[in-house]
Amino acid sequence: MNNHYHCSVIIDATTINFCPGPCKFNKYKDIRVKVKNKIMYDFKPNFGGRYNNFEYPINYMENNYLSLKNLRICRNCYYRYHEFWRINDYESLEKDAFKIQKKICDKIHLINFVEF
């Protein structure tokens, strides 16, 4: 992730009731199970809580990003996100940003925009 100045669309995903990643899940499927006196969730983080920030480049060369704050995310999207950043696959991350924007556009009433 780039540390230089950049422009971001920041979305607070606290109230999103589906995986906000690029997958096709559009219904909340965060199943809870009890394992050895601990509650585990299907979405990550597995023990509850939320991730502070996931950043997807909208246009990596121009430092434009889609930033998802306070999110819970399905396992596939979680691993995909980290793998693309690990191998510096910015093109795939940009494609995922487009998929995310398209996905949340249908559910715009559930989203809190923090800043543009």
Protein backbone atom coordinates (compact mmCIF):
# COMPACT_ATOMS: atom_id res chain seq x y z
CA MET A 1 0.00 0.00 0.00
CA ASN A 2 1.30 3.35 -1.01
CA ASN A 3 2.34 5.83 1.69
CA HIS A 4 2.31 8.88 -0.59
CA TYR A 5 -0.57 11.35 -0.63
CA HIS A 6 -3.57 9.83 -2.31
CA CYS A 7 -7.25 10.45 -2.87
CA SER A 8 -9.65 7.93 -1.40
CA VAL A 9 -13.30 7.10 -1.33
CA ILE A 10 -13.77 5.94 2.26
CA ILE A 11 -16.74 3.78 3.21
CA ASP A 12 -17.66 2.85 6.76
CA ALA A 13 -18.73 -0.80 6.45
CA THR A 14 -20.06 -1.05 10.02
CA THR A 15 -23.67 -1.30 8.89
CA ILE A 16 -23.12 -3.43 5.79
CA ASN A 17 -24.86 -6.74 6.38
CA PHE A 18 -23.11 -8.72 3.64
CA CYS A 19 -19.48 -9.36 2.66
CA PRO A 20 -18.28 -6.02 1.21
CA GLY A 21 -15.52 -7.76 -0.79
CA PRO A 22 -15.54 -8.62 -4.51
CA CYS A 23 -17.30 -12.00 -4.06
CA LYS A 24 -20.92 -12.61 -5.01
CA PHE A 25 -22.24 -12.81 -1.42
CA ASN A 26 -24.90 -10.16 -1.07
CA LYS A 27 -26.61 -11.59 1.99
CA TYR A 28 -25.09 -11.78 5.41
CA LYS A 29 -23.79 -15.30 5.93
CA ASP A 30 -21.67 -14.75 9.05
CA ILE A 31 -22.56 -18.01 10.77
CA ARG A 32 -21.57 -18.34 14.44
CA VAL A 33 -20.52 -21.58 16.11
CA LYS A 34 -19.31 -22.35 19.60
CA VAL A 35 -15.94 -24.16 19.75
CA LYS A 36 -14.36 -24.94 23.13
CA ASN A 37 -16.26 -22.18 24.95
CA LYS A 38 -15.37 -19.60 22.26
CA ILE A 39 -17.67 -18.13 19.66
CA MET A 40 -16.22 -18.37 16.16
CA TYR A 41 -17.61 -16.58 13.12
CA ASP A 42 -17.52 -17.59 9.48
CA PHE A 43 -16.50 -14.08 8.39
CA LYS A 44 -13.10 -12.75 9.38
CA PRO A 45 -11.96 -11.82 11.96
CA ASN A 46 -13.10 -15.21 13.21
CA PHE A 47 -13.39 -14.23 16.87
CA GLY A 48 -15.56 -11.16 16.25
CA GLY A 49 -14.58 -7.55 15.89
CA ARG A 50 -13.80 -5.73 12.68
CA TYR A 51 -10.81 -4.88 10.54
CA ASN A 52 -9.86 -1.22 10.63
CA ASN A 53 -9.17 -0.75 6.94
CA PHE A 54 -8.86 -2.57 3.61
CA GLU A 55 -7.63 -0.43 0.71
CA TYR A 56 -8.29 -1.30 -2.92
CA PRO A 57 -6.71 0.82 -5.65
CA ILE A 58 -9.24 2.38 -8.01
CA ASN A 59 -6.33 3.67 -10.08
CA TYR A 60 -3.01 2.63 -8.58
CA MET A 61 -0.87 4.84 -10.83
CA GLU A 62 -2.81 7.95 -9.78
CA ASN A 63 -3.03 6.96 -6.07
CA ASN A 64 -6.83 6.72 -6.02
CA TYR A 65 -8.22 4.17 -3.58
CA LEU A 66 -11.44 2.65 -2.32
CA SER A 67 -11.04 2.30 1.43
CA LEU A 68 -13.37 0.06 3.44
CA LYS A 69 -13.34 0.79 7.17
CA ASN A 70 -14.70 -1.31 10.06
CA LEU A 71 -15.40 -4.37 7.99
CA ARG A 72 -16.07 -8.05 8.41
CA ILE A 73 -15.25 -9.99 5.27
CA CYS A 74 -15.63 -13.56 3.98
CA ARG A 75 -12.60 -15.83 3.96
CA ASN A 76 -12.24 -15.90 0.18
CA CYS A 77 -12.16 -12.11 -0.11
CA TYR A 78 -9.80 -11.84 2.86
CA TYR A 79 -7.23 -14.25 1.41
CA ARG A 80 -7.63 -12.85 -2.11
CA TYR A 81 -7.00 -9.29 -0.87
CA HIS A 82 -3.84 -10.22 1.03
CA GLU A 83 -2.50 -12.41 -1.78
CA PHE A 84 -2.91 -9.67 -4.40
CA TRP A 85 -1.10 -7.16 -2.17
CA ARG A 86 1.63 -9.73 -1.39
CA ILE A 87 2.41 -10.26 -5.09
CA ASN A 88 1.77 -6.60 -6.04
CA ASP A 89 -1.05 -7.51 -8.42
CA TYR A 90 -2.49 -4.00 -8.68
CA GLU A 91 -4.48 -4.78 -11.81
CA SER A 92 -6.46 -7.50 -10.01
CA LEU A 93 -6.96 -5.22 -7.00
CA GLU A 94 -8.31 -2.51 -9.32
CA LYS A 95 -10.72 -5.04 -10.86
CA ASP A 96 -11.83 -6.02 -7.36
CA ALA A 97 -12.39 -2.33 -6.49
CA PHE A 98 -14.69 -2.07 -9.52
CA LYS A 99 -16.60 -5.22 -8.45
CA ILE A 100 -16.99 -3.85 -4.93
CA GLN A 101 -18.28 -0.50 -6.18
CA LYS A 102 -20.78 -2.26 -8.43
CA LYS A 103 -21.85 -4.59 -5.62
CA ILE A 104 -22.45 -1.87 -3.03
CA CYS A 105 -24.17 0.44 -5.51
CA ASP A 106 -27.24 -1.81 -5.30
CA LYS A 107 -27.20 -1.49 -1.50
CA ILE A 108 -26.34 2.21 -1.26
CA HIS A 109 -28.89 2.81 1.50
CA LEU A 110 -26.82 0.56 3.84
CA ILE A 111 -23.57 2.48 3.44
CA ASN A 112 -22.14 5.33 5.48
CA PHE A 113 -19.75 7.44 3.40
CA VAL A 114 -17.06 8.93 5.58
CA GLU A 115 -15.26 11.12 3.08
CA PHE A 116 -14.56 11.62 -0.63
